[in-house]
N, C-alpha and C. Protein backbone atom coordinates (compact mmCIF):
# COMPACT_ATOMS: atom_id res chain seq x y z
N MET A 1 129.60 6.67 184.96
CA MET A 1 130.39 7.42 185.92
C MET A 1 129.47 8.30 186.73
N ASN A 2 129.58 8.21 188.03
CA ASN A 2 128.86 9.11 188.93
C ASN A 2 129.77 10.28 189.27
N ILE A 3 129.24 11.49 189.20
CA ILE A 3 129.98 12.69 189.55
C ILE A 3 129.22 13.40 190.67
N THR A 4 129.90 13.62 191.79
CA THR A 4 129.29 14.32 192.92
C THR A 4 130.12 15.55 193.24
N THR A 5 129.51 16.49 193.97
CA THR A 5 130.23 17.69 194.38
C THR A 5 129.93 18.00 195.85
N THR A 6 130.86 18.70 196.49
CA THR A 6 130.65 19.27 197.81
C THR A 6 131.36 20.61 197.83
N ARG A 7 130.98 21.42 198.81
CA ARG A 7 131.69 22.69 198.97
C ARG A 7 131.85 23.02 200.44
N ASN A 8 132.97 23.63 200.74
CA ASN A 8 133.27 24.10 202.09
C ASN A 8 133.86 25.50 201.93
N LEU A 9 132.98 26.47 201.74
CA LEU A 9 133.41 27.84 201.51
C LEU A 9 133.36 28.62 202.81
N LEU A 10 134.41 29.36 203.10
CA LEU A 10 134.50 30.13 204.33
C LEU A 10 133.90 31.52 204.20
N THR A 11 133.80 32.01 202.96
CA THR A 11 133.27 33.35 202.71
C THR A 11 132.22 33.25 201.60
N ASP A 12 131.62 34.38 201.27
CA ASP A 12 130.67 34.42 200.17
C ASP A 12 131.34 34.75 198.83
N ALA A 13 132.63 34.98 198.84
CA ALA A 13 133.34 35.41 197.63
C ALA A 13 133.17 34.46 196.45
N TRP A 14 133.14 33.16 196.71
CA TRP A 14 133.07 32.17 195.64
C TRP A 14 131.70 31.49 195.54
N THR A 15 130.74 31.89 196.34
CA THR A 15 129.45 31.20 196.37
C THR A 15 128.76 31.18 195.01
N THR A 16 128.59 32.32 194.39
CA THR A 16 127.88 32.38 193.10
C THR A 16 128.66 31.66 192.00
N PRO A 17 129.97 31.90 191.85
CA PRO A 17 130.70 31.15 190.82
C PRO A 17 130.64 29.63 191.03
N VAL A 18 130.76 29.18 192.28
CA VAL A 18 130.72 27.74 192.55
C VAL A 18 129.34 27.18 192.21
N GLN A 19 128.28 27.91 192.50
CA GLN A 19 126.94 27.45 192.13
C GLN A 19 126.83 27.26 190.62
N GLU A 20 127.37 28.20 189.85
CA GLU A 20 127.35 28.09 188.39
C GLU A 20 128.16 26.88 187.92
N VAL A 21 129.32 26.70 188.51
CA VAL A 21 130.18 25.57 188.12
C VAL A 21 129.50 24.25 188.47
N GLU A 22 128.89 24.16 189.66
CA GLU A 22 128.21 22.93 190.06
C GLU A 22 127.07 22.60 189.09
N ARG A 23 126.31 23.59 188.68
CA ARG A 23 125.22 23.33 187.72
C ARG A 23 125.79 22.76 186.42
N ALA A 24 126.90 23.29 185.97
CA ALA A 24 127.52 22.78 184.74
C ALA A 24 128.03 21.35 184.93
N ILE A 25 128.62 21.07 186.08
CA ILE A 25 129.14 19.72 186.35
C ILE A 25 128.00 18.70 186.32
N LEU A 26 126.87 19.06 186.85
CA LEU A 26 125.73 18.13 186.85
C LEU A 26 125.26 17.79 185.44
N ARG A 27 125.64 18.61 184.47
CA ARG A 27 125.27 18.34 183.07
C ARG A 27 126.36 17.59 182.31
N PHE A 28 127.49 17.34 182.95
CA PHE A 28 128.57 16.61 182.28
C PHE A 28 128.07 15.23 181.86
N THR A 29 128.39 14.85 180.65
CA THR A 29 128.12 13.50 180.17
C THR A 29 129.34 13.00 179.43
N SER A 30 129.48 11.71 179.41
CA SER A 30 130.62 11.10 178.73
C SER A 30 130.10 10.09 177.71
N VAL A 31 130.78 10.05 176.57
CA VAL A 31 130.40 9.06 175.55
C VAL A 31 131.02 7.70 175.86
N ARG A 32 132.03 7.68 176.69
CA ARG A 32 132.65 6.40 177.01
C ARG A 32 132.00 5.79 178.25
N ARG A 33 132.08 4.51 178.36
CA ARG A 33 131.53 3.80 179.52
C ARG A 33 132.61 3.75 180.59
N ASP A 34 132.53 4.68 181.48
CA ASP A 34 133.57 4.84 182.49
C ASP A 34 133.02 4.50 183.87
N ARG A 35 133.71 3.69 184.61
CA ARG A 35 133.29 3.32 185.95
C ARG A 35 134.14 4.03 187.01
N ASN A 36 134.88 5.03 186.58
CA ASN A 36 135.78 5.74 187.49
C ASN A 36 135.04 6.91 188.14
N ASP A 37 134.21 6.58 189.14
CA ASP A 37 133.43 7.62 189.82
C ASP A 37 134.32 8.78 190.23
N CYS A 38 133.72 9.95 190.31
CA CYS A 38 134.48 11.17 190.51
C CYS A 38 133.77 12.07 191.51
N HIS A 39 134.55 12.70 192.39
CA HIS A 39 134.00 13.66 193.34
C HIS A 39 134.77 14.97 193.21
N VAL A 40 134.04 16.07 193.09
CA VAL A 40 134.65 17.40 192.96
C VAL A 40 134.34 18.17 194.24
N ALA A 41 135.39 18.62 194.92
CA ALA A 41 135.23 19.36 196.17
C ALA A 41 135.76 20.78 195.99
N PHE A 42 134.93 21.75 196.36
CA PHE A 42 135.30 23.16 196.31
C PHE A 42 135.54 23.63 197.73
N PHE A 43 136.63 24.36 197.97
CA PHE A 43 136.88 24.84 199.31
C PHE A 43 137.77 26.06 199.31
N GLU A 44 137.70 26.78 200.43
CA GLU A 44 138.58 27.91 200.66
C GLU A 44 139.45 27.60 201.87
N ILE A 45 140.59 28.26 201.91
CA ILE A 45 141.50 28.15 203.04
C ILE A 45 141.62 29.55 203.65
N ALA A 46 141.61 29.61 204.97
CA ALA A 46 141.67 30.90 205.66
C ALA A 46 142.84 31.75 205.15
N ARG A 47 142.58 33.02 204.94
CA ARG A 47 143.55 34.01 204.49
C ARG A 47 144.11 33.72 203.11
N ASP A 48 143.42 32.91 202.32
CA ASP A 48 143.81 32.63 200.94
C ASP A 48 142.60 32.94 200.06
N PRO A 49 142.69 33.94 199.19
CA PRO A 49 141.53 34.34 198.40
C PRO A 49 141.18 33.40 197.25
N GLN A 50 142.01 32.42 196.97
CA GLN A 50 141.78 31.53 195.84
C GLN A 50 140.73 30.47 196.16
N LEU A 51 140.10 30.00 195.10
CA LEU A 51 139.20 28.85 195.19
C LEU A 51 140.05 27.60 194.97
N HIS A 52 139.94 26.65 195.87
CA HIS A 52 140.66 25.39 195.74
C HIS A 52 139.67 24.33 195.28
N VAL A 53 140.12 23.46 194.39
CA VAL A 53 139.26 22.40 193.87
C VAL A 53 140.03 21.09 193.90
N ASN A 54 139.44 20.08 194.52
CA ASN A 54 139.97 18.72 194.48
C ASN A 54 139.07 17.89 193.59
N VAL A 55 139.68 17.10 192.73
CA VAL A 55 138.94 16.13 191.93
C VAL A 55 139.48 14.76 192.32
N THR A 56 138.59 13.93 192.85
CA THR A 56 138.98 12.60 193.33
C THR A 56 138.33 11.54 192.46
N HIS A 57 139.15 10.66 191.92
CA HIS A 57 138.67 9.52 191.13
C HIS A 57 138.91 8.24 191.93
N LYS A 58 138.06 7.29 191.72
CA LYS A 58 138.21 6.00 192.39
C LYS A 58 139.49 5.29 191.93
N TYR A 59 139.79 5.40 190.63
CA TYR A 59 140.96 4.75 190.04
C TYR A 59 141.90 5.82 189.46
N PRO A 60 143.19 5.52 189.31
CA PRO A 60 144.13 6.52 188.81
C PRO A 60 143.79 6.98 187.39
N THR A 61 144.13 8.22 187.12
CA THR A 61 143.94 8.80 185.79
C THR A 61 145.26 9.39 185.32
N ALA A 62 145.30 9.72 184.04
CA ALA A 62 146.45 10.42 183.50
C ALA A 62 146.52 11.81 184.11
N GLU A 63 147.71 12.38 184.15
CA GLU A 63 147.87 13.73 184.66
C GLU A 63 147.29 14.72 183.65
N VAL A 64 146.79 15.83 184.17
CA VAL A 64 146.22 16.88 183.33
C VAL A 64 146.98 18.17 183.65
N SER A 65 147.40 18.88 182.64
CA SER A 65 148.16 20.11 182.81
C SER A 65 147.44 21.10 183.73
N GLY A 66 148.19 21.65 184.68
CA GLY A 66 147.64 22.63 185.61
C GLY A 66 147.14 22.04 186.92
N TRP A 67 147.01 20.73 186.97
CA TRP A 67 146.51 20.06 188.18
C TRP A 67 147.67 19.39 188.90
N ALA A 68 147.73 19.56 190.22
CA ALA A 68 148.74 18.90 191.05
C ALA A 68 148.22 17.52 191.45
N GLY A 69 149.13 16.62 191.65
CA GLY A 69 148.74 15.29 192.09
C GLY A 69 149.16 14.24 191.10
N PRO A 70 148.73 13.05 191.33
CA PRO A 70 147.71 12.65 192.29
C PRO A 70 148.30 12.33 193.66
N ALA A 71 147.44 12.49 194.65
CA ALA A 71 147.73 12.02 196.00
C ALA A 71 146.80 10.84 196.24
N ARG A 72 147.34 9.81 196.82
CA ARG A 72 146.49 8.64 197.10
C ARG A 72 145.86 8.81 198.47
N GLN A 73 144.54 8.76 198.50
CA GLN A 73 143.76 8.89 199.72
C GLN A 73 142.86 7.65 199.84
N PRO A 74 142.28 7.40 201.01
CA PRO A 74 141.37 6.26 201.13
C PRO A 74 140.21 6.32 200.13
N GLU A 75 139.79 7.55 199.75
CA GLU A 75 138.66 7.71 198.83
C GLU A 75 139.07 7.48 197.38
N GLY A 76 140.36 7.55 197.09
CA GLY A 76 140.81 7.39 195.72
C GLY A 76 142.03 8.24 195.43
N PHE A 77 142.11 8.74 194.21
CA PHE A 77 143.26 9.48 193.73
C PHE A 77 142.86 10.94 193.51
N VAL A 78 143.53 11.85 194.23
CA VAL A 78 143.12 13.25 194.29
C VAL A 78 144.07 14.14 193.51
N HIS A 79 143.49 15.00 192.67
CA HIS A 79 144.22 16.07 192.00
C HIS A 79 143.67 17.39 192.51
N ASN A 80 144.53 18.41 192.59
CA ASN A 80 144.13 19.70 193.14
C ASN A 80 144.54 20.82 192.20
N ARG A 81 143.72 21.86 192.21
CA ARG A 81 144.03 23.07 191.44
C ARG A 81 143.42 24.26 192.17
N ARG A 82 144.05 25.43 192.00
CA ARG A 82 143.54 26.67 192.58
C ARG A 82 143.14 27.61 191.46
N PHE A 83 142.11 28.39 191.73
CA PHE A 83 141.62 29.38 190.77
C PHE A 83 141.51 30.72 191.46
N ASP A 84 141.81 31.81 190.70
CA ASP A 84 141.62 33.12 191.31
C ASP A 84 140.93 34.12 190.40
N ASP A 85 141.23 34.15 189.15
CA ASP A 85 140.65 35.20 188.31
C ASP A 85 139.95 34.68 187.06
N LEU A 86 139.63 33.43 187.00
CA LEU A 86 138.94 32.87 185.84
C LEU A 86 137.43 32.95 186.02
N THR A 87 136.73 33.05 184.91
CA THR A 87 135.27 33.04 184.95
C THR A 87 134.79 31.62 185.24
N PRO A 88 133.56 31.47 185.72
CA PRO A 88 133.03 30.12 185.94
C PRO A 88 133.12 29.25 184.69
N ARG A 89 132.87 29.83 183.53
CA ARG A 89 132.95 29.05 182.28
C ARG A 89 134.34 28.45 182.07
N HIS A 90 135.37 29.24 182.37
CA HIS A 90 136.73 28.73 182.22
C HIS A 90 137.08 27.71 183.30
N ILE A 91 136.58 27.93 184.50
CA ILE A 91 136.81 26.96 185.58
C ILE A 91 136.17 25.62 185.21
N VAL A 92 134.98 25.67 184.64
CA VAL A 92 134.28 24.45 184.21
C VAL A 92 135.13 23.68 183.21
N ARG A 93 135.74 24.38 182.26
CA ARG A 93 136.57 23.70 181.25
C ARG A 93 137.72 22.94 181.90
N HIS A 94 138.39 23.60 182.86
CA HIS A 94 139.51 22.95 183.52
C HIS A 94 139.05 21.74 184.34
N ILE A 95 137.93 21.89 185.03
CA ILE A 95 137.40 20.77 185.81
C ILE A 95 136.97 19.64 184.90
N ARG A 96 136.32 19.95 183.79
CA ARG A 96 135.91 18.91 182.84
C ARG A 96 137.12 18.10 182.37
N ASP A 97 138.22 18.79 182.06
CA ASP A 97 139.43 18.08 181.62
C ASP A 97 139.89 17.07 182.67
N MET A 98 139.81 17.46 183.94
CA MET A 98 140.27 16.56 185.01
C MET A 98 139.25 15.46 185.26
N VAL A 99 137.97 15.79 185.28
CA VAL A 99 136.91 14.79 185.52
C VAL A 99 137.01 13.68 184.47
N PHE A 100 137.24 14.07 183.21
CA PHE A 100 137.27 13.09 182.13
C PHE A 100 138.68 12.71 181.70
N ALA A 101 139.65 12.87 182.61
CA ALA A 101 141.02 12.44 182.30
C ALA A 101 141.00 10.95 181.96
N ARG A 102 141.80 10.59 181.00
CA ARG A 102 141.79 9.19 180.58
C ARG A 102 142.35 8.29 181.67
N PRO A 103 141.86 7.06 181.73
CA PRO A 103 142.33 6.11 182.74
C PRO A 103 143.83 5.84 182.56
N ARG A 104 144.46 5.50 183.64
CA ARG A 104 145.88 5.18 183.60
C ARG A 104 146.08 3.69 183.55
């Protein structure tokens, strides 16, 4: 499984936490042989203080508690979640759950 990330942050409010989360994501490993490539996108929306995260898989996955979706896009199947007061360590846990959601 290939895991990539991008960010589109409008302010500096989430820059340091997102850098920490991205470093953790790059260390993610799976014991299963999964071909469901995954892309994690971090972004902000104007006048919204929350961090938004999209996790896109090439193939559908099971739903994960706390994540909205999936929405079908040309790139794959997208789940979304917002964060506001969690530490980077906790954000990583939630993202890991979605990245490694079982295939559907």
